[in-house]
Amino acid sequence: MSELEFDRLLDAVRTAIAPPAREDFMLASLPLFNRPPRAANDNGLVWPLIPFPEGWNAAC
C-alpha cells in the first residue's frame, strides 16, 4: 500500500468516525407548539360515556 493510498484510507476513516454535524441549526427550524394541535375533526364537545351492554366485553 502506497503512502497516498494510506492517507486516503485514513481520511475515509476520519470521515466515517467524525462526530456528526451540529444539529442545533436543525432544532432551531422546528416549529414549537405550546399545546398539542387539535384534531381536524375535533368539535370541542366531550363525548358521552356509552357503557357496553350487559355481558359484553372489550379487549385490545
N, C-alpha and C. Protein backbone atom coordinates (compact mmCIF):
# COMPACT_ATOMS: atom_id res chain seq x y z
N MET A 1 0.86 -1.16 0.00
CA MET A 1 0.00 0.00 0.00
C MET A 1 0.91 1.23 0.00
N SER A 2 0.65 2.12 -0.92
CA SER A 2 1.47 3.32 -1.01
C SER A 2 1.05 4.33 0.06
N GLU A 3 1.87 5.33 0.23
CA GLU A 3 1.58 6.35 1.23
C GLU A 3 0.32 7.13 0.86
N LEU A 4 0.11 7.36 -0.42
CA LEU A 4 -1.08 8.06 -0.89
C LEU A 4 -2.35 7.25 -0.57
N GLU A 5 -2.31 5.96 -0.84
CA GLU A 5 -3.46 5.10 -0.53
C GLU A 5 -3.71 5.06 0.98
N PHE A 6 -2.64 5.02 1.75
CA PHE A 6 -2.78 5.00 3.20
C PHE A 6 -3.41 6.30 3.70
N ASP A 7 -2.99 7.44 3.15
CA ASP A 7 -3.58 8.73 3.53
C ASP A 7 -5.06 8.80 3.15
N ARG A 8 -5.40 8.28 1.99
CA ARG A 8 -6.81 8.24 1.58
C ARG A 8 -7.63 7.37 2.53
N LEU A 9 -7.05 6.25 2.93
CA LEU A 9 -7.73 5.36 3.87
C LEU A 9 -7.94 6.06 5.20
N LEU A 10 -6.90 6.74 5.70
CA LEU A 10 -7.04 7.48 6.95
C LEU A 10 -8.10 8.57 6.85
N ASP A 11 -8.14 9.27 5.73
CA ASP A 11 -9.17 10.30 5.54
C ASP A 11 -10.57 9.70 5.54
N ALA A 12 -10.72 8.56 4.90
CA ALA A 12 -12.02 7.89 4.86
C ALA A 12 -12.45 7.46 6.26
N VAL A 13 -11.50 6.94 7.04
CA VAL A 13 -11.82 6.51 8.40
C VAL A 13 -12.16 7.71 9.27
N ARG A 14 -11.39 8.80 9.15
CA ARG A 14 -11.68 10.01 9.92
C ARG A 14 -13.08 10.54 9.60
N THR A 15 -13.42 10.52 8.33
CA THR A 15 -14.75 10.99 7.92
C THR A 15 -15.84 10.09 8.47
N ALA A 16 -15.60 8.79 8.48
CA ALA A 16 -16.61 7.84 8.94
C ALA A 16 -16.84 7.94 10.44
N ILE A 17 -15.79 8.21 11.22
CA ILE A 17 -15.95 8.22 12.68
C ILE A 17 -16.04 9.62 13.25
N ALA A 18 -16.05 10.63 12.40
CA ALA A 18 -16.15 12.01 12.87
C ALA A 18 -17.49 12.22 13.54
N PRO A 19 -17.53 13.07 14.57
CA PRO A 19 -18.83 13.34 15.20
C PRO A 19 -19.77 13.98 14.19
N PRO A 20 -21.05 13.71 14.31
CA PRO A 20 -22.00 14.28 13.35
C PRO A 20 -22.00 15.81 13.43
N ALA A 21 -22.41 16.41 12.36
CA ALA A 21 -22.50 17.87 12.32
C ALA A 21 -23.46 18.33 13.40
N ARG A 22 -23.24 19.50 13.90
CA ARG A 22 -24.11 20.01 14.97
C ARG A 22 -25.54 20.11 14.46
N GLU A 23 -26.45 19.68 15.28
CA GLU A 23 -27.85 19.66 14.87
C GLU A 23 -28.62 20.84 15.45
N ASP A 24 -27.91 21.80 16.04
CA ASP A 24 -28.59 22.95 16.61
C ASP A 24 -29.38 23.72 15.56
N PHE A 25 -28.80 23.84 14.37
CA PHE A 25 -29.48 24.60 13.33
C PHE A 25 -30.76 23.88 12.90
N MET A 26 -30.78 22.55 12.99
CA MET A 26 -32.00 21.81 12.63
C MET A 26 -33.06 22.00 13.70
N LEU A 27 -32.65 22.01 14.97
CA LEU A 27 -33.61 22.18 16.04
C LEU A 27 -34.21 23.58 16.03
N ALA A 28 -33.43 24.55 15.61
CA ALA A 28 -33.93 25.93 15.58
C ALA A 28 -35.02 26.11 14.53
N SER A 29 -35.02 25.29 13.49
CA SER A 29 -36.00 25.46 12.43
C SER A 29 -37.29 24.67 12.68
N LEU A 30 -37.31 23.83 13.72
CA LEU A 30 -38.52 23.05 14.01
C LEU A 30 -39.58 23.95 14.63
N PRO A 31 -40.84 23.76 14.28
CA PRO A 31 -41.89 24.57 14.90
C PRO A 31 -42.10 24.13 16.35
N LEU A 32 -42.33 25.10 17.21
CA LEU A 32 -42.58 24.82 18.62
C LEU A 32 -44.06 25.01 18.90
N PHE A 33 -44.64 24.08 19.63
CA PHE A 33 -46.04 24.14 19.97
C PHE A 33 -46.17 24.26 21.48
N ASN A 34 -46.91 25.25 21.94
CA ASN A 34 -47.16 25.39 23.36
C ASN A 34 -48.20 24.39 23.83
N ARG A 35 -49.06 23.98 22.94
CA ARG A 35 -50.07 22.98 23.25
C ARG A 35 -50.18 22.05 22.05
N PRO A 36 -50.65 20.84 22.28
CA PRO A 36 -50.76 19.92 21.14
C PRO A 36 -51.79 20.43 20.13
N PRO A 37 -51.55 20.18 18.86
CA PRO A 37 -52.51 20.64 17.85
C PRO A 37 -53.85 19.90 17.99
N ARG A 38 -54.91 20.58 17.63
CA ARG A 38 -56.23 19.96 17.70
C ARG A 38 -56.44 19.04 16.51
N ALA A 39 -57.20 18.01 16.72
CA ALA A 39 -57.54 17.11 15.63
C ALA A 39 -58.44 17.84 14.64
N ALA A 40 -58.38 17.45 13.39
CA ALA A 40 -59.17 18.12 12.36
C ALA A 40 -60.67 17.93 12.58
N ASN A 41 -61.05 16.83 13.22
CA ASN A 41 -62.47 16.56 13.43
C ASN A 41 -62.91 16.85 14.86
N ASP A 42 -62.16 17.64 15.59
CA ASP A 42 -62.49 17.93 16.98
C ASP A 42 -63.54 19.03 17.03
N ASN A 43 -64.71 18.69 17.51
CA ASN A 43 -65.76 19.69 17.61
C ASN A 43 -65.81 20.32 19.00
N GLY A 44 -64.86 19.95 19.86
CA GLY A 44 -64.75 20.58 21.16
C GLY A 44 -65.71 20.06 22.21
N LEU A 45 -66.58 19.16 21.87
CA LEU A 45 -67.53 18.64 22.85
C LEU A 45 -66.97 17.40 23.52
N VAL A 46 -67.35 17.20 24.77
CA VAL A 46 -66.95 16.00 25.48
C VAL A 46 -67.87 14.87 25.05
N TRP A 47 -67.27 13.77 24.68
CA TRP A 47 -68.06 12.63 24.24
C TRP A 47 -68.65 11.92 25.45
N PRO A 48 -69.91 11.49 25.35
CA PRO A 48 -70.53 10.80 26.49
C PRO A 48 -69.98 9.38 26.63
N LEU A 49 -70.00 8.88 27.84
CA LEU A 49 -69.60 7.50 28.09
C LEU A 49 -70.79 6.60 27.79
N ILE A 50 -70.60 5.71 26.83
CA ILE A 50 -71.66 4.77 26.47
C ILE A 50 -71.19 3.39 26.94
N PRO A 51 -71.78 2.88 28.00
CA PRO A 51 -71.33 1.59 28.53
C PRO A 51 -71.72 0.44 27.60
N PHE A 52 -70.94 -0.65 27.69
CA PHE A 52 -71.28 -1.84 26.93
C PHE A 52 -72.54 -2.46 27.50
N PRO A 53 -73.32 -3.10 26.66
CA PRO A 53 -74.50 -3.82 27.16
C PRO A 53 -74.08 -4.94 28.11
N GLU A 54 -74.98 -5.35 28.92
CA GLU A 54 -74.73 -6.41 29.90
C GLU A 54 -74.18 -7.65 29.22
N GLY A 55 -73.07 -8.16 29.72
CA GLY A 55 -72.48 -9.38 29.18
C GLY A 55 -71.48 -9.14 28.05
N TRP A 56 -71.34 -7.93 27.57
CA TRP A 56 -70.36 -7.64 26.52
C TRP A 56 -69.04 -7.25 27.16
N ASN A 57 -67.95 -7.58 26.47
CA ASN A 57 -66.61 -7.24 26.94
C ASN A 57 -65.80 -6.68 25.78
N ALA A 58 -64.76 -5.96 26.11
CA ALA A 58 -63.86 -5.42 25.09
C ALA A 58 -62.43 -5.70 25.50
N ALA A 59 -61.59 -5.95 24.53
CA ALA A 59 -60.16 -6.17 24.79
C ALA A 59 -59.37 -5.64 23.61
N CYS A 60 -58.21 -5.12 23.90
CA CYS A 60 -57.34 -4.62 22.83
C CYS A 60 -56.20 -5.58 22.61
